[in-house]
Amino acid sequence: PHMGWNSVTLKQKDGIFKDIPDESYFYFVHSYYLN
């Protein structure tokens, strides 16, 4: 699995991502992903 910190590219900059800088890092733990 993918475990660790990855930068996130924002496609929407409102709602839950309001005032969060693009390419901020978030913590992931998963083997499956959305496509």
PDB file of all heavy atoms in Angstrom:
ATOM      1  N   PRO A   1       0.791  -1.235   0.000  1.00  0.00           N
ATOM      2  CA  PRO A   1       0.000   0.000   0.000  1.00  0.00           C
ATOM      3  C   PRO A   1       0.825   1.289   0.000  1.00  0.00           C
ATOM      4  O   PRO A   1       1.989   1.290   0.399  1.00  0.00           O
ATOM      5  CB  PRO A   1      -0.817  -0.100   1.294  1.00  0.00           C
ATOM      6  CG  PRO A   1       0.001  -0.983   2.185  1.00  0.00           C
ATOM      7  CD  PRO A   1       0.654  -1.981   1.277  1.00  0.00           C
ATOM      8  N   HIS A   2       0.181   2.320  -0.475  1.00  0.00           N
ATOM      9  CA  HIS A   2       0.730   3.671  -0.441  1.00  0.00           C
ATOM     10  C   HIS A   2       0.548   4.194   0.986  1.00  0.00           C
ATOM     11  O   HIS A   2      -0.567   4.376   1.454  1.00  0.00           O
ATOM     12  CB  HIS A   2      -0.039   4.526  -1.446  1.00  0.00           C
ATOM     13  CG  HIS A   2       0.224   5.997  -1.339  1.00  0.00           C
ATOM     14  ND1 HIS A   2      -0.721   6.928  -1.701  1.00  0.00           N
ATOM     15  CD2 HIS A   2       1.312   6.689  -0.927  1.00  0.00           C
ATOM     16  CE1 HIS A   2      -0.220   8.148  -1.519  1.00  0.00           C
ATOM     17  NE2 HIS A   2       1.004   8.023  -1.049  1.00  0.00           N
ATOM     18  N   MET A   3       1.654   4.412   1.666  1.00  0.00           N
ATOM     19  CA  MET A   3       1.605   4.916   3.036  1.00  0.00           C
ATOM     20  C   MET A   3       2.557   6.102   3.155  1.00  0.00           C
ATOM     21  O   MET A   3       3.749   5.973   2.876  1.00  0.00           O
ATOM     22  CB  MET A   3       2.024   3.838   4.040  1.00  0.00           C
ATOM     23  CG  MET A   3       1.128   2.628   4.071  1.00  0.00           C
ATOM     24  SD  MET A   3       1.701   1.359   5.241  1.00  0.00           S
ATOM     25  CE  MET A   3       1.539   2.248   6.780  1.00  0.00           C
ATOM     26  N   GLY A   4       2.014   7.249   3.555  1.00  0.00           N
ATOM     27  CA  GLY A   4       2.873   8.406   3.777  1.00  0.00           C
ATOM     28  C   GLY A   4       2.261   9.695   3.276  1.00  0.00           C
ATOM     29  O   GLY A   4       1.087   9.761   2.911  1.00  0.00           O
ATOM     30  N   TRP A   5       3.087  10.714   3.261  1.00  0.00           N
ATOM     31  CA  TRP A   5       2.654  12.072   2.926  1.00  0.00           C
ATOM     32  C   TRP A   5       2.808  12.333   1.433  1.00  0.00           C
ATOM     33  O   TRP A   5       3.851  12.041   0.846  1.00  0.00           O
ATOM     34  CB  TRP A   5       3.480  13.088   3.702  1.00  0.00           C
ATOM     35  CG  TRP A   5       3.287  13.008   5.177  1.00  0.00           C
ATOM     36  CD1 TRP A   5       3.907  12.166   6.048  1.00  0.00           C
ATOM     37  CD2 TRP A   5       2.398  13.804   5.958  1.00  0.00           C
ATOM     38  NE1 TRP A   5       3.457  12.381   7.328  1.00  0.00           N
ATOM     39  CE2 TRP A   5       2.529  13.383   7.305  1.00  0.00           C
ATOM     40  CE3 TRP A   5       1.507  14.838   5.659  1.00  0.00           C
ATOM     41  CZ2 TRP A   5       1.806  13.958   8.344  1.00  0.00           C
ATOM     42  CZ3 TRP A   5       0.780  15.400   6.683  1.00  0.00           C
ATOM     43  CH2 TRP A   5       0.928  14.970   8.011  1.00  0.00           C
ATOM     44  N   ASN A   6       1.743  12.871   0.821  1.00  0.00           N
ATOM     45  CA  ASN A   6       1.780  13.268  -0.585  1.00  0.00           C
ATOM     46  C   ASN A   6       1.197  14.663  -0.736  1.00  0.00           C
ATOM     47  O   ASN A   6       0.225  15.018  -0.038  1.00  0.00           O
ATOM     48  CB  ASN A   6       0.953  12.306  -1.444  1.00  0.00           C
ATOM     49  CG  ASN A   6       1.790  11.252  -2.112  1.00  0.00           C
ATOM     50  OD1 ASN A   6       2.589  10.582  -1.456  1.00  0.00           O
ATOM     51  ND2 ASN A   6       1.616  11.093  -3.415  1.00  0.00           N
ATOM     52  N   SER A   7       1.762  15.418  -1.660  1.00  0.00           N
ATOM     53  CA  SER A   7       1.178  16.721  -1.970  1.00  0.00           C
ATOM     54  C   SER A   7      -0.081  16.523  -2.813  1.00  0.00           C
ATOM     55  O   SER A   7      -0.182  15.579  -3.603  1.00  0.00           O
ATOM     56  CB  SER A   7       2.179  17.609  -2.707  1.00  0.00           C
ATOM     57  OG  SER A   7       2.540  17.038  -3.936  1.00  0.00           O
ATOM     58  N   VAL A   8      -1.016  17.415  -2.646  1.00  0.00           N
ATOM     59  CA  VAL A   8      -2.328  17.307  -3.275  1.00  0.00           C
ATOM     60  C   VAL A   8      -2.563  18.521  -4.172  1.00  0.00           C
ATOM     61  O   VAL A   8      -2.384  19.664  -3.743  1.00  0.00           O
ATOM     62  CB  VAL A   8      -3.420  17.196  -2.184  1.00  0.00           C
ATOM     63  CG1 VAL A   8      -4.800  17.432  -2.760  1.00  0.00           C
ATOM     64  CG2 VAL A   8      -3.342  15.838  -1.496  1.00  0.00           C
ATOM     65  N   THR A   9      -2.915  18.240  -5.422  1.00  0.00           N
ATOM     66  CA  THR A   9      -3.206  19.294  -6.396  1.00  0.00           C
ATOM     67  C   THR A   9      -4.693  19.607  -6.359  1.00  0.00           C
ATOM     68  O   THR A   9      -5.521  18.717  -6.594  1.00  0.00           O
ATOM     69  CB  THR A   9      -2.798  18.853  -7.804  1.00  0.00           C
ATOM     70  OG1 THR A   9      -1.391  18.555  -7.818  1.00  0.00           O
ATOM     71  CG2 THR A   9      -3.085  19.952  -8.824  1.00  0.00           C
ATOM     72  N   LEU A  10      -5.030  20.837  -6.071  1.00  0.00           N
ATOM     73  CA  LEU A  10      -6.432  21.217  -5.918  1.00  0.00           C
ATOM     74  C   LEU A  10      -7.080  21.498  -7.264  1.00  0.00           C
ATOM     75  O   LEU A  10      -6.545  22.243  -8.082  1.00  0.00           O
ATOM     76  CB  LEU A  10      -6.554  22.446  -5.015  1.00  0.00           C
ATOM     77  CG  LEU A  10      -6.005  22.302  -3.595  1.00  0.00           C
ATOM     78  CD1 LEU A  10      -6.300  23.560  -2.793  1.00  0.00           C
ATOM     79  CD2 LEU A  10      -6.575  21.069  -2.895  1.00  0.00           C
ATOM     80  N   LYS A  11      -8.240  20.913  -7.470  1.00  0.00           N
ATOM     81  CA  LYS A  11      -9.092  21.205  -8.621  1.00  0.00           C
ATOM     82  C   LYS A  11     -10.237  22.131  -8.219  1.00  0.00           C
ATOM     83  O   LYS A  11     -10.821  22.812  -9.056  1.00  0.00           O
ATOM     84  CB  LYS A  11      -9.661  19.913  -9.208  1.00  0.00           C
ATOM     85  CG  LYS A  11      -8.613  18.870  -9.568  1.00  0.00           C
ATOM     86  CD  LYS A  11      -7.654  19.377 -10.635  1.00  0.00           C
ATOM     87  CE  LYS A  11      -6.646  18.304 -11.016  1.00  0.00           C
ATOM     88  NZ  LYS A  11      -5.677  18.799 -12.016  1.00  0.00           N
ATOM     89  N   GLN A  12     -10.565  22.103  -6.937  1.00  0.00           N
ATOM     90  CA  GLN A  12     -11.548  23.019  -6.355  1.00  0.00           C
ATOM     91  C   GLN A  12     -10.881  23.694  -5.161  1.00  0.00           C
ATOM     92  O   GLN A  12     -10.231  23.016  -4.365  1.00  0.00           O
ATOM     93  CB  GLN A  12     -12.802  22.275  -5.887  1.00  0.00           C
ATOM     94  CG  GLN A  12     -13.564  21.554  -6.979  1.00  0.00           C
ATOM     95  CD  GLN A  12     -14.803  20.850  -6.439  1.00  0.00           C
ATOM     96  OE1 GLN A  12     -15.353  21.209  -5.391  1.00  0.00           O
ATOM     97  NE2 GLN A  12     -15.261  19.842  -7.145  1.00  0.00           N
ATOM     98  N   LYS A  13     -11.043  24.986  -5.053  1.00  0.00           N
ATOM     99  CA  LYS A  13     -10.376  25.721  -3.980  1.00  0.00           C
ATOM    100  C   LYS A  13     -11.367  26.350  -3.012  1.00  0.00           C
ATOM    101  O   LYS A  13     -11.047  27.294  -2.293  1.00  0.00           O
ATOM    102  CB  LYS A  13      -9.441  26.784  -4.578  1.00  0.00           C
ATOM    103  CG  LYS A  13      -8.326  26.160  -5.407  1.00  0.00           C
ATOM    104  CD  LYS A  13      -7.337  27.181  -5.922  1.00  0.00           C
ATOM    105  CE  LYS A  13      -6.221  26.507  -6.709  1.00  0.00           C
ATOM    106  NZ  LYS A  13      -5.224  27.477  -7.225  1.00  0.00           N
ATOM    107  N   ASP A  14     -12.567  25.788  -2.986  1.00  0.00           N
ATOM    108  CA  ASP A  14     -13.583  26.246  -2.044  1.00  0.00           C
ATOM    109  C   ASP A  14     -14.039  25.056  -1.227  1.00  0.00           C
ATOM    110  O   ASP A  14     -13.431  23.998  -1.243  1.00  0.00           O
ATOM    111  CB  ASP A  14     -14.757  26.907  -2.792  1.00  0.00           C
ATOM    112  CG  ASP A  14     -15.405  25.959  -3.800  1.00  0.00           C
ATOM    113  OD1 ASP A  14     -14.902  24.813  -3.961  1.00  0.00           O
ATOM    114  OD2 ASP A  14     -16.400  26.340  -4.437  1.00  0.00           O
ATOM    115  N   GLY A  15     -15.119  25.237  -0.478  1.00  0.00           N
ATOM    116  CA  GLY A  15     -15.641  24.134   0.319  1.00  0.00           C
ATOM    117  C   GLY A  15     -14.619  23.648   1.330  1.00  0.00           C
ATOM    118  O   GLY A  15     -14.025  24.436   2.072  1.00  0.00           O
ATOM    119  N   ILE A  16     -14.355  22.340   1.344  1.00  0.00           N
ATOM    120  CA  ILE A  16     -13.429  21.789   2.332  1.00  0.00           C
ATOM    121  C   ILE A  16     -11.986  22.222   2.095  1.00  0.00           C
ATOM    122  O   ILE A  16     -11.147  22.101   2.992  1.00  0.00           O
ATOM    123  CB  ILE A  16     -13.513  20.248   2.401  1.00  0.00           C
ATOM    124  CG1 ILE A  16     -13.235  19.618   1.038  1.00  0.00           C
ATOM    125  CG2 ILE A  16     -14.854  19.799   2.963  1.00  0.00           C
ATOM    126  CD1 ILE A  16     -13.131  18.093   1.072  1.00  0.00           C
ATOM    127  N   PHE A  17     -11.687  22.748   0.903  1.00  0.00           N
ATOM    128  CA  PHE A  17     -10.319  23.184   0.604  1.00  0.00           C
ATOM    129  C   PHE A  17     -10.140  24.713   0.672  1.00  0.00           C
ATOM    130  O   PHE A  17      -9.101  25.226   0.263  1.00  0.00           O
ATOM    131  CB  PHE A  17      -9.891  22.668  -0.770  1.00  0.00           C
ATOM    132  CG  PHE A  17      -9.647  21.180  -0.799  1.00  0.00           C
ATOM    133  CD1 PHE A  17     -10.545  20.335  -1.425  1.00  0.00           C
ATOM    134  CD2 PHE A  17      -8.543  20.630  -0.180  1.00  0.00           C
ATOM    135  CE1 PHE A  17     -10.336  18.962  -1.444  1.00  0.00           C
ATOM    136  CE2 PHE A  17      -8.319  19.265  -0.183  1.00  0.00           C
ATOM    137  CZ  PHE A  17      -9.216  18.429  -0.818  1.00  0.00           C
ATOM    138  N   LYS A  18     -11.128  25.389   1.211  1.00  0.00           N
ATOM    139  CA  LYS A  18     -11.040  26.854   1.323  1.00  0.00           C
ATOM    140  C   LYS A  18      -9.812  27.257   2.151  1.00  0.00           C
ATOM    141  O   LYS A  18      -9.579  26.729   3.243  1.00  0.00           O
ATOM    142  CB  LYS A  18     -12.310  27.382   1.988  1.00  0.00           C
ATOM    143  CG  LYS A  18     -12.320  28.913   2.137  1.00  0.00           C
ATOM    144  CD  LYS A  18     -13.588  29.374   2.836  1.00  0.00           C
ATOM    145  CE  LYS A  18     -13.575  30.880   3.036  1.00  0.00           C
ATOM    146  NZ  LYS A  18     -14.780  31.345   3.783  1.00  0.00           N
ATOM    147  N   ASP A  19      -9.018  28.153   1.598  1.00  0.00           N
ATOM    148  CA  ASP A  19      -7.827  28.715   2.274  1.00  0.00           C
ATOM    149  C   ASP A  19      -6.750  27.675   2.575  1.00  0.00           C
ATOM    150  O   ASP A  19      -5.878  27.907   3.423  1.00  0.00           O
ATOM    151  CB  ASP A  19      -8.221  29.448   3.568  1.00  0.00           C
ATOM    152  CG  ASP A  19      -9.117  30.650   3.296  1.00  0.00           C
ATOM    153  OD1 ASP A  19      -8.977  31.271   2.230  1.00  0.00           O
ATOM    154  OD2 ASP A  19      -9.973  30.948   4.146  1.00  0.00           O
ATOM    155  N   ILE A  20      -6.794  26.538   1.891  1.00  0.00           N
ATOM    156  CA  ILE A  20      -5.716  25.550   1.992  1.00  0.00           C
ATOM    157  C   ILE A  20      -4.831  25.702   0.763  1.00  0.00           C
ATOM    158  O   ILE A  20      -5.323  25.640  -0.371  1.00  0.00           O
ATOM    159  CB  ILE A  20      -6.274  24.117   2.082  1.00  0.00           C
ATOM    160  CG1 ILE A  20      -7.033  23.930   3.404  1.00  0.00           C
ATOM    161  CG2 ILE A  20      -5.151  23.088   1.963  1.00  0.00           C
ATOM    162  CD1 ILE A  20      -7.691  22.574   3.551  1.00  0.00           C
ATOM    163  N   PRO A  21      -3.536  25.939   0.919  1.00  0.00           N
ATOM    164  CA  PRO A  21      -2.662  26.160  -0.239  1.00  0.00           C
ATOM    165  C   PRO A  21      -2.597  24.935  -1.153  1.00  0.00           C
ATOM    166  O   PRO A  21      -2.609  23.789  -0.689  1.00  0.00           O
ATOM    167  CB  PRO A  21      -1.287  26.432   0.401  1.00  0.00           C
ATOM    168  CG  PRO A  21      -1.593  26.888   1.785  1.00  0.00           C
ATOM    169  CD  PRO A  21      -2.818  26.126   2.198  1.00  0.00           C
ATOM    170  N   ASP A  22      -2.559  25.198  -2.461  1.00  0.00           N
ATOM    171  CA  ASP A  22      -2.360  24.132  -3.427  1.00  0.00           C
ATOM    172  C   ASP A  22      -1.040  23.413  -3.127  1.00  0.00           C
ATOM    173  O   ASP A  22      -0.069  24.029  -2.689  1.00  0.00           O
ATOM    174  CB  ASP A  22      -2.327  24.731  -4.833  1.00  0.00           C
ATOM    175  CG  ASP A  22      -2.512  23.684  -5.918  1.00  0.00           C
ATOM    176  OD1 ASP A  22      -2.972  22.577  -5.607  1.00  0.00           O
ATOM    177  OD2 ASP A  22      -2.186  23.987  -7.091  1.00  0.00           O
ATOM    178  N   GLU A  23      -1.013  22.122  -3.367  1.00  0.00           N
ATOM    179  CA  GLU A  23       0.154  21.262  -3.132  1.00  0.00           C
ATOM    180  C   GLU A  23       0.463  21.083  -1.636  1.00  0.00           C
ATOM    181  O   GLU A  23       1.573  20.709  -1.267  1.00  0.00           O
ATOM    182  CB  GLU A  23       1.393  21.758  -3.884  1.00  0.00           C
ATOM    183  CG  GLU A  23       1.191  21.904  -5.384  1.00  0.00           C
ATOM    184  CD  GLU A  23       0.781  20.614  -6.086  1.00  0.00           C
ATOM    185  OE1 GLU A  23       1.157  19.528  -5.597  1.00  0.00           O
ATOM    186  OE2 GLU A  23       0.063  20.690  -7.106  1.00  0.00           O
ATOM    187  N   SER A  24      -0.519  21.317  -0.786  1.00  0.00           N
ATOM    188  CA  SER A  24      -0.355  20.971   0.633  1.00  0.00           C
ATOM    189  C   SER A  24      -0.240  19.459   0.776  1.00  0.00           C
ATOM    190  O   SER A  24      -0.728  18.691  -0.059  1.00  0.00           O
ATOM    191  CB  SER A  24      -1.554  21.464   1.452  1.00  0.00           C
ATOM    192  OG  SER A  24      -1.577  22.868   1.518  1.00  0.00           O
ATOM    193  N   TYR A  25       0.421  19.023   1.846  1.00  0.00           N
ATOM    194  CA  TYR A  25       0.654  17.602   2.067  1.00  0.00           C
ATOM    195  C   TYR A  25      -0.398  17.016   3.008  1.00  0.00           C
ATOM    196  O   TYR A  25      -0.748  17.625   4.019  1.00  0.00           O
ATOM    197  CB  TYR A  25       2.054  17.375   2.640  1.00  0.00           C
ATOM    198  CG  TYR A  25       3.132  17.383   1.579  1.00  0.00           C
ATOM    199  CD1 TYR A  25       3.578  18.581   1.031  1.00  0.00           C
ATOM    200  CD2 TYR A  25       3.689  16.193   1.103  1.00  0.00           C
ATOM    201  CE1 TYR A  25       4.560  18.595   0.037  1.00  0.00           C
ATOM    202  CE2 TYR A  25       4.670  16.193   0.121  1.00  0.00           C
ATOM    203  CZ  TYR A  25       5.099  17.395  -0.408  1.00  0.00           C
ATOM    204  OH  TYR A  25       6.061  17.403  -1.388  1.00  0.00           O
ATOM    205  N   PHE A  26      -0.865  15.821   2.649  1.00  0.00           N
ATOM    206  CA  PHE A  26      -1.817  15.069   3.460  1.00  0.00           C
ATOM    207  C   PHE A  26      -1.312  13.637   3.601  1.00  0.00           C
ATOM    208  O   PHE A  26      -0.528  13.148   2.782  1.00  0.00           O
ATOM    209  CB  PHE A  26      -3.213  15.083   2.830  1.00  0.00           C
ATOM    210  CG  PHE A  26      -3.872  16.430   2.833  1.00  0.00           C
ATOM    211  CD1 PHE A  26      -3.658  17.332   1.804  1.00  0.00           C
ATOM    212  CD2 PHE A  26      -4.706  16.804   3.874  1.00  0.00           C
ATOM    213  CE1 PHE A  26      -4.265  18.580   1.800  1.00  0.00           C
ATOM    214  CE2 PHE A  26      -5.315  18.050   3.887  1.00  0.00           C
ATOM    215  CZ  PHE A  26      -5.092  18.943   2.855  1.00  0.00           C
ATOM    216  N   TYR A  27      -1.796  12.952   4.634  1.00  0.00           N
ATOM    217  CA  TYR A  27      -1.312  11.608   4.956  1.00  0.00           C
ATOM    218  C   TYR A  27      -2.240  10.542   4.376  1.00  0.00           C
ATOM    219  O   TYR A  27      -3.441  10.540   4.625  1.00  0.00           O
ATOM    220  CB  TYR A  27      -1.196  11.430   6.470  1.00  0.00           C
ATOM    221  CG  TYR A  27      -0.530  10.133   6.850  1.00  0.00           C
ATOM    222  CD1 TYR A  27       0.851   9.993   6.743  1.00  0.00           C
ATOM    223  CD2 TYR A  27      -1.283   9.055   7.288  1.00  0.00           C
ATOM    224  CE1 TYR A  27       1.466   8.788   7.076  1.00  0.00           C
ATOM    225  CE2 TYR A  27      -0.672   7.853   7.627  1.00  0.00           C
ATOM    226  CZ  TYR A  27       0.707   7.735   7.507  1.00  0.00           C
ATOM    227  OH  TYR A  27       1.312   6.555   7.828  1.00  0.00           O
ATOM    228  N   PHE A  28      -1.644   9.599   3.622  1.00  0.00           N
ATOM    229  CA  PHE A  28      -2.382   8.543   2.932  1.00  0.00           C
ATOM    230  C   PHE A  28      -2.003   7.164   3.478  1.00  0.00           C
ATOM    231  O   PHE A  28      -0.851   6.907   3.805  1.00  0.00           O
ATOM    232  CB  PHE A  28      -2.044   8.540   1.437  1.00  0.00           C
ATOM    233  CG  PHE A  28      -2.588   9.707   0.661  1.00  0.00           C
ATOM    234  CD1 PHE A  28      -1.956  10.943   0.695  1.00  0.00           C
ATOM    235  CD2 PHE A  28      -3.709   9.559  -0.137  1.00  0.00           C
ATOM    236  CE1 PHE A  28      -2.436  12.009  -0.044  1.00  0.00           C
ATOM    237  CE2 PHE A  28      -4.202  10.621  -0.878  1.00  0.00           C
ATOM    238  CZ  PHE A  28      -3.571  11.850  -0.830  1.00  0.00           C
ATOM    239  N   VAL A  29      -2.985   6.264   3.515  1.00  0.00           N
ATOM    240  CA  VAL A  29      -2.758   4.833   3.750  1.00  0.00           C
ATOM    241  C   VAL A  29      -3.803   4.085   2.933  1.00  0.00           C
ATOM    242  O   VAL A  29      -4.969   3.991   3.327  1.00  0.00           O
ATOM    243  CB  VAL A  29      -2.899   4.448   5.239  1.00  0.00           C
ATOM    244  CG1 VAL A  29      -2.596   2.960   5.416  1.00  0.00           C
ATOM    245  CG2 VAL A  29      -2.002   5.262   6.131  1.00  0.00           C
ATOM    246  N   HIS A  30      -3.399   3.520   1.772  1.00  0.00           N
ATOM    247  CA  HIS A  30      -4.386   2.819   0.939  1.00  0.00           C
ATOM    248  C   HIS A  30      -3.702   2.011  -0.159  1.00  0.00           C
ATOM    249  O   HIS A  30      -2.578   2.313  -0.568  1.00  0.00           O
ATOM    250  CB  HIS A  30      -5.371   3.810   0.312  1.00  0.00           C
ATOM    251  CG  HIS A  30      -4.744   4.800  -0.635  1.00  0.00           C
ATOM    252  ND1 HIS A  30      -5.149   4.933  -1.943  1.00  0.00           N
ATOM    253  CD2 HIS A  30      -3.725   5.684  -0.470  1.00  0.00           C
ATOM    254  CE1 HIS A  30      -4.423   5.871  -2.534  1.00  0.00           C
ATOM    255  NE2 HIS A  30      -3.559   6.336  -1.664  1.00  0.00           N
ATOM    256  N   SER A  31      -4.416   0.996  -0.627  1.00  0.00           N
ATOM    257  CA  SER A  31      -3.965   0.172  -1.739  1.00  0.00           C
ATOM    258  C   SER A  31      -4.853   0.322  -2.973  1.00  0.00           C
ATOM    259  O   SER A  31      -4.484  -0.129  -4.058  1.00  0.00           O
ATOM    260  CB  SER A  31      -3.957  -1.314  -1.336  1.00  0.00           C
ATOM    261  OG  SER A  31      -3.071  -1.546  -0.264  1.00  0.00           O
ATOM    262  N   TYR A  32      -6.009   0.936  -2.796  1.00  0.00           N
ATOM    263  CA  TYR A  32      -6.966   1.132  -3.880  1.00  0.00           C
ATOM    264  C   TYR A  32      -7.258   2.627  -4.008  1.00  0.00           C
ATOM    265  O   TYR A  32      -7.149   3.365  -3.029  1.00  0.00           O
ATOM    266  CB  TYR A  32      -8.245   0.333  -3.626  1.00  0.00           C
ATOM    267  CG  TYR A  32      -7.994  -1.160  -3.672  1.00  0.00           C
ATOM    268  CD1 TYR A  32      -7.476  -1.818  -2.561  1.00  0.00           C
ATOM    269  CD2 TYR A  32      -8.223  -1.887  -4.831  1.00  0.00           C
ATOM    270  CE1 TYR A  32      -7.207  -3.178  -2.601  1.00  0.00           C
ATOM    271  CE2 TYR A  32      -7.960  -3.251  -4.878  1.00  0.00           C
ATOM    272  CZ  TYR A  32      -7.442  -3.887  -3.764  1.00  0.00           C
ATOM    273  OH  TYR A  32      -7.164  -5.224  -3.817  1.00  0.00           O
ATOM    274  N   TYR A  33      -7.629   3.037  -5.216  1.00  0.00           N
ATOM    275  CA  TYR A  33      -7.786   4.472  -5.449  1.00  0.00           C
ATOM    276  C   TYR A  33      -8.935   4.742  -6.402  1.00  0.00           C
ATOM    277  O   TYR A  33      -9.352   3.859  -7.168  1.00  0.00           O
ATOM    278  CB  TYR A  33      -6.495   5.065  -6.009  1.00  0.00           C
ATOM    279  CG  TYR A  33      -6.219   4.729  -7.469  1.00  0.00           C
ATOM    280  CD1 TYR A  33      -6.447   5.659  -8.481  1.00  0.00           C
ATOM    281  CD2 TYR A  33      -5.738   3.478  -7.841  1.00  0.00           C
ATOM    282  CE1 TYR A  33      -6.204   5.354  -9.814  1.00  0.00           C
ATOM    283  CE2 TYR A  33      -5.480   3.164  -9.166  1.00  0.00           C
ATOM    284  CZ  TYR A  33      -5.718   4.107 -10.159  1.00  0.00           C
ATOM    285  OH  TYR A  33      -5.483   3.796 -11.473  1.00  0.00           O
ATOM    286  N   LEU A  34      -9.420   5.959  -6.363  1.00  0.00           N
ATOM    287  CA  LEU A  34     -10.515   6.392  -7.223  1.00  0.00           C
ATOM    288  C   LEU A  34      -9.986   6.827  -8.584  1.00  0.00           C
ATOM    289  O   LEU A  34      -9.039   7.610  -8.679  1.00  0.00           O
ATOM    290  CB  LEU A  34     -11.270   7.542  -6.562  1.00  0.00           C
ATOM    291  CG  LEU A  34     -12.309   8.272  -7.429  1.00  0.00           C
ATOM    292  CD1 LEU A  34     -13.420   7.323  -7.862  1.00  0.00           C
ATOM    293  CD2 LEU A  34     -12.880   9.470  -6.678  1.00  0.00           C
ATOM    294  N   ASN A  35     -10.655   6.327  -9.627  1.00  0.00           N
ATOM    295  CA  ASN A  35     -10.350   6.712 -10.999  1.00  0.00           C
ATOM    296  C   ASN A  35     -11.668   6.834 -11.755  1.00  0.00           C
ATOM    297  O   ASN A  35     -12.610   6.093 -11.493  1.00  0.00           O
ATOM    298  CB  ASN A  35      -9.453   5.657 -11.657  1.00  0.00           C
ATOM    299  CG  ASN A  35      -9.003   6.061 -13.047  1.00  0.00           C
ATOM    300  OD1 ASN A  35      -8.846   7.257 -13.335  1.00  0.00           O
ATOM    301  ND2 ASN A  35      -8.770   5.091 -13.904  1.00  0.00           N
TER     302      ASN A  35
END
